[in-house]
């Protein structure tokens, strides 16, 4: 029995959840998100709560119940409050700019790197070394943040590159040539 899947999802004020067959639509002040659910589970809306119910007792249905319950829960949170990821850029001469809907980054390469905003995602640059990716879709926010992070991975000796703000940067020790034991 899925511990996560059997928990009900409470619907906050200002958010509506509609179920049309296997398509679940969540509308809120920030955005409207949709998710198609598997035929192994049924989604029901009762008394300002959303329930995800298994259609049979197989292991696959158990897993899908927990999966779709969490996806719908993330949709409810996303349309109400939204999600955000913060990235930090470290390096000599590394700078960030926002030009229109494009993020322009000087990352120690011979050319500036441009990254265009995706529909439903907002990219902010509060200062020269911080990027904030925000939006209603948790999966899309994480994917865009990971793509930006992959443009310049952390260099292990000096710590130059792009990393999540709350992620610790572990540096390798440098060479110790000439030391006697």
C-alpha atoms as a PDB file:
ATOM      1  CA  UNK A   1       0.000   0.000   0.000  1.00  0.00           C
ATOM      2  CA  UNK A   2       1.398   3.373  -0.996  1.00  0.00           C
ATOM      3  CA  UNK A   3       1.881   5.634   2.012  1.00  0.00           C
ATOM      4  CA  UNK A   4       2.145   8.772  -0.107  1.00  0.00           C
ATOM      5  CA  UNK A   5      -0.571   7.779  -2.577  1.00  0.00           C
ATOM      6  CA  UNK A   6      -3.337   7.295  -0.022  1.00  0.00           C
ATOM      7  CA  UNK A   7      -2.943  10.795   1.465  1.00  0.00           C
ATOM      8  CA  UNK A   8      -5.601  13.299   0.333  1.00  0.00           C
ATOM      9  CA  UNK A   9      -4.545  16.589  -1.283  1.00  0.00           C
ATOM     10  CA  UNK A  10      -6.339  19.603   0.198  1.00  0.00           C
ATOM     11  CA  UNK A  11      -7.351  22.259  -2.319  1.00  0.00           C
ATOM     12  CA  UNK A  12      -6.535  25.784  -1.054  1.00  0.00           C
ATOM     13  CA  UNK A  13      -8.731  28.820  -1.710  1.00  0.00           C
ATOM     14  CA  UNK A  14      -8.336  30.244  -5.205  1.00  0.00           C
ATOM     15  CA  UNK A  15      -7.359  26.891  -6.742  1.00  0.00           C
ATOM     16  CA  UNK A  16      -9.705  24.642  -8.694  1.00  0.00           C
ATOM     17  CA  UNK A  17      -9.149  21.029  -9.758  1.00  0.00           C
ATOM     18  CA  UNK A  18     -11.119  19.478 -12.624  1.00  0.00           C
ATOM     19  CA  UNK A  19     -11.022  15.846 -13.769  1.00  0.00           C
ATOM     20  CA  UNK A  20     -12.118  14.935 -17.303  1.00  0.00           C
ATOM     21  CA  UNK A  21     -11.550  11.216 -17.764  1.00  0.00           C
ATOM     22  CA  UNK A  22      -7.792  10.745 -17.361  1.00  0.00           C
ATOM     23  CA  UNK A  23      -6.899  14.440 -17.711  1.00  0.00           C
ATOM     24  CA  UNK A  24      -6.474  16.469 -14.495  1.00  0.00           C
ATOM     25  CA  UNK A  25      -6.494  20.281 -14.804  1.00  0.00           C
ATOM     26  CA  UNK A  26      -5.423  22.527 -11.939  1.00  0.00           C
ATOM     27  CA  UNK A  27      -6.166  26.269 -12.217  1.00  0.00           C
ATOM     28  CA  UNK A  28      -4.881  28.926  -9.860  1.00  0.00           C
ATOM     29  CA  UNK A  29      -3.717  32.531  -9.655  1.00  0.00           C
ATOM     30  CA  UNK A  30      -0.267  31.816 -11.147  1.00  0.00           C
ATOM     31  CA  UNK A  31      -1.018  29.402 -14.010  1.00  0.00           C
ATOM     32  CA  UNK A  32      -3.049  26.471 -15.323  1.00  0.00           C
ATOM     33  CA  UNK A  33      -1.403  23.028 -15.391  1.00  0.00           C
ATOM     34  CA  UNK A  34      -2.618  19.720 -16.812  1.00  0.00           C
ATOM     35  CA  UNK A  35      -1.530  16.135 -16.233  1.00  0.00           C
ATOM     36  CA  UNK A  36      -2.718  12.945 -17.872  1.00  0.00           C
ATOM     37  CA  UNK A  37      -2.917  10.050 -15.388  1.00  0.00           C
ATOM     38  CA  UNK A  38      -2.433   6.358 -16.030  1.00  0.00           C
ATOM     39  CA  UNK A  39      -5.330   3.951 -16.437  1.00  0.00           C
ATOM     40  CA  UNK A  40      -4.158   2.184 -13.237  1.00  0.00           C
ATOM     41  CA  UNK A  41      -5.498   5.002 -11.037  1.00  0.00           C
ATOM     42  CA  UNK A  42      -8.619   7.144 -10.758  1.00  0.00           C
ATOM     43  CA  UNK A  43      -8.616  10.756  -9.570  1.00  0.00           C
ATOM     44  CA  UNK A  44     -11.604  11.978  -7.549  1.00  0.00           C
ATOM     45  CA  UNK A  45     -12.451  15.434  -6.181  1.00  0.00           C
ATOM     46  CA  UNK A  46     -14.545  15.325  -2.982  1.00  0.00           C
ATOM     47  CA  UNK A  47     -15.113  17.893  -0.225  1.00  0.00           C
ATOM     48  CA  UNK A  48     -12.306  20.251  -1.283  1.00  0.00           C
ATOM     49  CA  UNK A  49      -9.838  17.339  -1.451  1.00  0.00           C
ATOM     50  CA  UNK A  50      -8.310  15.330  -4.265  1.00  0.00           C
ATOM     51  CA  UNK A  51      -7.980  11.562  -3.869  1.00  0.00           C
ATOM     52  CA  UNK A  52      -5.951   9.242  -6.087  1.00  0.00           C
ATOM     53  CA  UNK A  53      -7.428   5.723  -5.937  1.00  0.00           C
ATOM     54  CA  UNK A  54      -5.920   2.519  -7.350  1.00  0.00           C
ATOM     55  CA  UNK A  55      -8.034   0.452  -9.734  1.00  0.00           C
ATOM     56  CA  UNK A  56      -6.361  -2.853  -8.772  1.00  0.00           C
ATOM     57  CA  UNK A  57      -3.846  -4.201  -6.242  1.00  0.00           C
ATOM     58  CA  UNK A  58      -0.782  -4.667  -8.448  1.00  0.00           C
ATOM     59  CA  UNK A  59       2.663  -3.286  -7.625  1.00  0.00           C
ATOM     60  CA  UNK A  60       2.530  -1.062 -10.706  1.00  0.00           C
ATOM     61  CA  UNK A  61      -0.760   0.481  -9.572  1.00  0.00           C
ATOM     62  CA  UNK A  62       0.685   1.063  -6.121  1.00  0.00           C
ATOM     63  CA  UNK A  63       3.658   2.932  -7.604  1.00  0.00           C
ATOM     64  CA  UNK A  64       1.484   4.951  -9.996  1.00  0.00           C
ATOM     65  CA  UNK A  65      -0.837   5.966  -7.151  1.00  0.00           C
ATOM     66  CA  UNK A  66       2.049   7.573  -5.240  1.00  0.00           C
ATOM     67  CA  UNK A  67       3.502   9.113  -8.405  1.00  0.00           C
ATOM     68  CA  UNK A  68       0.313  10.799  -9.604  1.00  0.00           C
ATOM     69  CA  UNK A  69      -0.659  11.906  -6.110  1.00  0.00           C
ATOM     70  CA  UNK A  70       2.671  13.725  -5.775  1.00  0.00           C
ATOM     71  CA  UNK A  71       2.476  15.203  -9.297  1.00  0.00           C
ATOM     72  CA  UNK A  72      -1.013  16.592  -8.613  1.00  0.00           C
ATOM     73  CA  UNK A  73       0.145  17.896  -5.202  1.00  0.00           C
ATOM     74  CA  UNK A  74       3.048  19.716  -6.915  1.00  0.00           C
ATOM     75  CA  UNK A  75       0.608  21.183  -9.451  1.00  0.00           C
ATOM     76  CA  UNK A  76      -1.629  22.530  -6.654  1.00  0.00           C
ATOM     77  CA  UNK A  77       1.356  24.117  -4.873  1.00  0.00           C
ATOM     78  CA  UNK A  78       2.747  25.462  -8.158  1.00  0.00           C
ATOM     79  CA  UNK A  79      -0.411  27.265  -9.302  1.00  0.00           C
ATOM     80  CA  UNK A  80      -0.861  28.806  -5.854  1.00  0.00           C
ATOM     81  CA  UNK A  81       2.682  29.728  -4.738  1.00  0.00           C
ATOM     82  CA  UNK A  82       5.055  28.668  -7.522  1.00  0.00           C
ATOM     83  CA  UNK A  83       8.519  27.137  -7.349  1.00  0.00           C
ATOM     84  CA  UNK A  84      11.951  28.683  -7.664  1.00  0.00           C
ATOM     85  CA  UNK A  85      15.579  27.615  -7.882  1.00  0.00           C
ATOM     86  CA  UNK A  86      18.500  29.894  -7.213  1.00  0.00           C
ATOM     87  CA  UNK A  87      21.863  29.527  -8.969  1.00  0.00           C
ATOM     88  CA  UNK A  88      25.167  31.211  -8.149  1.00  0.00           C
ATOM     89  CA  UNK A  89      27.875  32.015 -10.693  1.00  0.00           C
ATOM     90  CA  UNK A  90      31.446  32.103  -9.382  1.00  0.00           C
ATOM     91  CA  UNK A  91      34.533  33.048 -11.325  1.00  0.00           C
ATOM     92  CA  UNK A  92      36.857  35.869 -12.255  1.00  0.00           C
ATOM     93  CA  UNK A  93      35.092  38.013 -14.843  1.00  0.00           C
ATOM     94  CA  UNK A  94      31.881  35.953 -14.793  1.00  0.00           C
ATOM     95  CA  UNK A  95      28.873  38.278 -15.174  1.00  0.00           C
ATOM     96  CA  UNK A  96      25.160  38.010 -15.819  1.00  0.00           C
ATOM     97  CA  UNK A  97      22.778  40.349 -17.645  1.00  0.00           C
ATOM     98  CA  UNK A  98      19.115  40.209 -18.518  1.00  0.00           C
ATOM     99  CA  UNK A  99      18.344  41.651 -21.979  1.00  0.00           C
ATOM    100  CA  UNK A 100      14.644  41.448 -22.753  1.00  0.00           C
ATOM    101  CA  UNK A 101      13.652  37.808 -22.400  1.00  0.00           C
ATOM    102  CA  UNK A 102      17.240  36.536 -22.728  1.00  0.00           C
ATOM    103  CA  UNK A 103      19.801  35.783 -20.051  1.00  0.00           C
ATOM    104  CA  UNK A 104      23.268  36.831 -21.287  1.00  0.00           C
ATOM    105  CA  UNK A 105      26.162  35.230 -19.405  1.00  0.00           C
ATOM    106  CA  UNK A 106      29.890  35.933 -19.598  1.00  0.00           C
ATOM    107  CA  UNK A 107      31.336  32.656 -18.340  1.00  0.00           C
ATOM    108  CA  UNK A 108      35.014  32.917 -19.217  1.00  0.00           C
ATOM    109  CA  UNK A 109      34.443  31.760 -22.788  1.00  0.00           C
ATOM    110  CA  UNK A 110      35.437  33.631 -25.939  1.00  0.00           C
ATOM    111  CA  UNK A 111      31.797  34.643 -26.479  1.00  0.00           C
ATOM    112  CA  UNK A 112      28.812  35.504 -24.272  1.00  0.00           C
ATOM    113  CA  UNK A 113      26.312  32.682 -23.777  1.00  0.00           C
ATOM    114  CA  UNK A 114      22.635  33.535 -24.336  1.00  0.00           C
ATOM    115  CA  UNK A 115      19.784  31.579 -22.774  1.00  0.00           C
ATOM    116  CA  UNK A 116      16.208  32.444 -23.805  1.00  0.00           C
ATOM    117  CA  UNK A 117      13.286  32.230 -21.364  1.00  0.00           C
ATOM    118  CA  UNK A 118      10.847  29.385 -21.902  1.00  0.00           C
ATOM    119  CA  UNK A 119       7.079  29.929 -21.795  1.00  0.00           C
ATOM    120  CA  UNK A 120       5.867  29.547 -18.211  1.00  0.00           C
ATOM    121  CA  UNK A 121       9.324  30.163 -16.708  1.00  0.00           C
ATOM    122  CA  UNK A 122      10.687  33.481 -15.477  1.00  0.00           C
ATOM    123  CA  UNK A 123      14.425  34.105 -15.109  1.00  0.00           C
ATOM    124  CA  UNK A 124      15.540  36.948 -12.824  1.00  0.00           C
ATOM    125  CA  UNK A 125      19.018  38.359 -12.223  1.00  0.00           C
ATOM    126  CA  UNK A 126      18.985  40.257  -8.886  1.00  0.00           C
ATOM    127  CA  UNK A 127      22.751  40.854  -8.986  1.00  0.00           C
ATOM    128  CA  UNK A 128      25.782  40.050 -11.161  1.00  0.00           C
ATOM    129  CA  UNK A 129      26.269  36.552  -9.749  1.00  0.00           C
ATOM    130  CA  UNK A 130      22.770  35.191  -8.993  1.00  0.00           C
ATOM    131  CA  UNK A 131      20.132  33.635 -11.251  1.00  0.00           C
ATOM    132  CA  UNK A 132      16.613  32.880 -10.000  1.00  0.00           C
ATOM    133  CA  UNK A 133      14.489  30.518 -12.103  1.00  0.00           C
ATOM    134  CA  UNK A 134      10.804  30.545 -11.102  1.00  0.00           C
ATOM    135  CA  UNK A 135       7.520  29.176 -12.408  1.00  0.00           C
ATOM    136  CA  UNK A 136       4.460  27.085 -11.590  1.00  0.00           C
ATOM    137  CA  UNK A 137       5.683  23.767 -13.054  1.00  0.00           C
ATOM    138  CA  UNK A 138       8.197  22.182 -10.657  1.00  0.00           C
ATOM    139  CA  UNK A 139       9.578  19.801 -13.280  1.00  0.00           C
ATOM    140  CA  UNK A 140      10.158  22.571 -15.823  1.00  0.00           C
ATOM    141  CA  UNK A 141      11.785  24.885 -13.236  1.00  0.00           C
ATOM    142  CA  UNK A 142      14.211  22.115 -12.284  1.00  0.00           C
ATOM    143  CA  UNK A 143      14.958  21.237 -15.915  1.00  0.00           C
ATOM    144  CA  UNK A 144      15.719  24.846 -16.909  1.00  0.00           C
ATOM    145  CA  UNK A 145      17.899  25.363 -13.817  1.00  0.00           C
ATOM    146  CA  UNK A 146      19.808  22.167 -14.657  1.00  0.00           C
ATOM    147  CA  UNK A 147      20.348  23.320 -18.260  1.00  0.00           C
ATOM    148  CA  UNK A 148      21.737  26.651 -17.066  1.00  0.00           C
ATOM    149  CA  UNK A 149      23.952  24.873 -14.531  1.00  0.00           C
ATOM    150  CA  UNK A 150      25.295  22.532 -17.229  1.00  0.00           C
ATOM    151  CA  UNK A 151      26.555  25.488 -19.313  1.00  0.00           C
ATOM    152  CA  UNK A 152      29.553  25.872 -16.970  1.00  0.00           C
ATOM    153  CA  UNK A 153      30.033  23.017 -14.468  1.00  0.00           C
ATOM    154  CA  UNK A 154      32.005  23.685 -11.292  1.00  0.00           C
ATOM    155  CA  UNK A 155      35.763  23.485 -11.763  1.00  0.00           C
ATOM    156  CA  UNK A 156      37.053  21.326  -8.854  1.00  0.00           C
ATOM    157  CA  UNK A 157      40.234  23.248  -7.958  1.00  0.00           C
ATOM    158  CA  UNK A 158      39.068  26.886  -7.813  1.00  0.00           C
ATOM    159  CA  UNK A 159      35.278  26.518  -7.622  1.00  0.00           C
ATOM    160  CA  UNK A 160      34.594  28.485 -10.819  1.00  0.00           C
ATOM    161  CA  UNK A 161      31.309  27.750 -12.556  1.00  0.00           C
ATOM    162  CA  UNK A 162      27.555  27.650 -11.917  1.00  0.00           C
ATOM    163  CA  UNK A 163      26.029  25.843  -8.942  1.00  0.00           C
ATOM    164  CA  UNK A 164      22.819  25.859  -6.930  1.00  0.00           C
ATOM    165  CA  UNK A 165      22.979  28.480  -4.177  1.00  0.00           C
ATOM    166  CA  UNK A 166      22.337  25.973  -1.370  1.00  0.00           C
ATOM    167  CA  UNK A 167      24.722  23.356  -2.852  1.00  0.00           C
ATOM    168  CA  UNK A 168      28.117  23.063  -1.146  1.00  0.00           C
ATOM    169  CA  UNK A 169      31.128  23.356  -3.458  1.00  0.00           C
ATOM    170  CA  UNK A 170      33.752  20.754  -2.585  1.00  0.00           C
ATOM    171  CA  UNK A 171      37.231  21.660  -3.763  1.00  0.00           C
ATOM    172  CA  UNK A 172      40.072  19.248  -4.421  1.00  0.00           C
ATOM    173  CA  UNK A 173      43.433  19.972  -2.834  1.00  0.00           C
ATOM    174  CA  UNK A 174      46.098  21.291  -5.174  1.00  0.00           C
ATOM    175  CA  UNK A 175      49.439  19.673  -5.879  1.00  0.00           C
ATOM    176  CA  UNK A 176      51.889  19.493  -3.049  1.00  0.00           C
ATOM    177  CA  UNK A 177      55.121  19.224  -5.041  1.00  0.00           C
ATOM    178  CA  UNK A 178      58.368  19.767  -3.228  1.00  0.00           C
ATOM    179  CA  UNK A 179      57.155  18.798   0.222  1.00  0.00           C
ATOM    180  CA  UNK A 180      59.246  16.304   2.149  1.00  0.00           C
ATOM    181  CA  UNK A 181      57.781  13.726   4.450  1.00  0.00           C
END
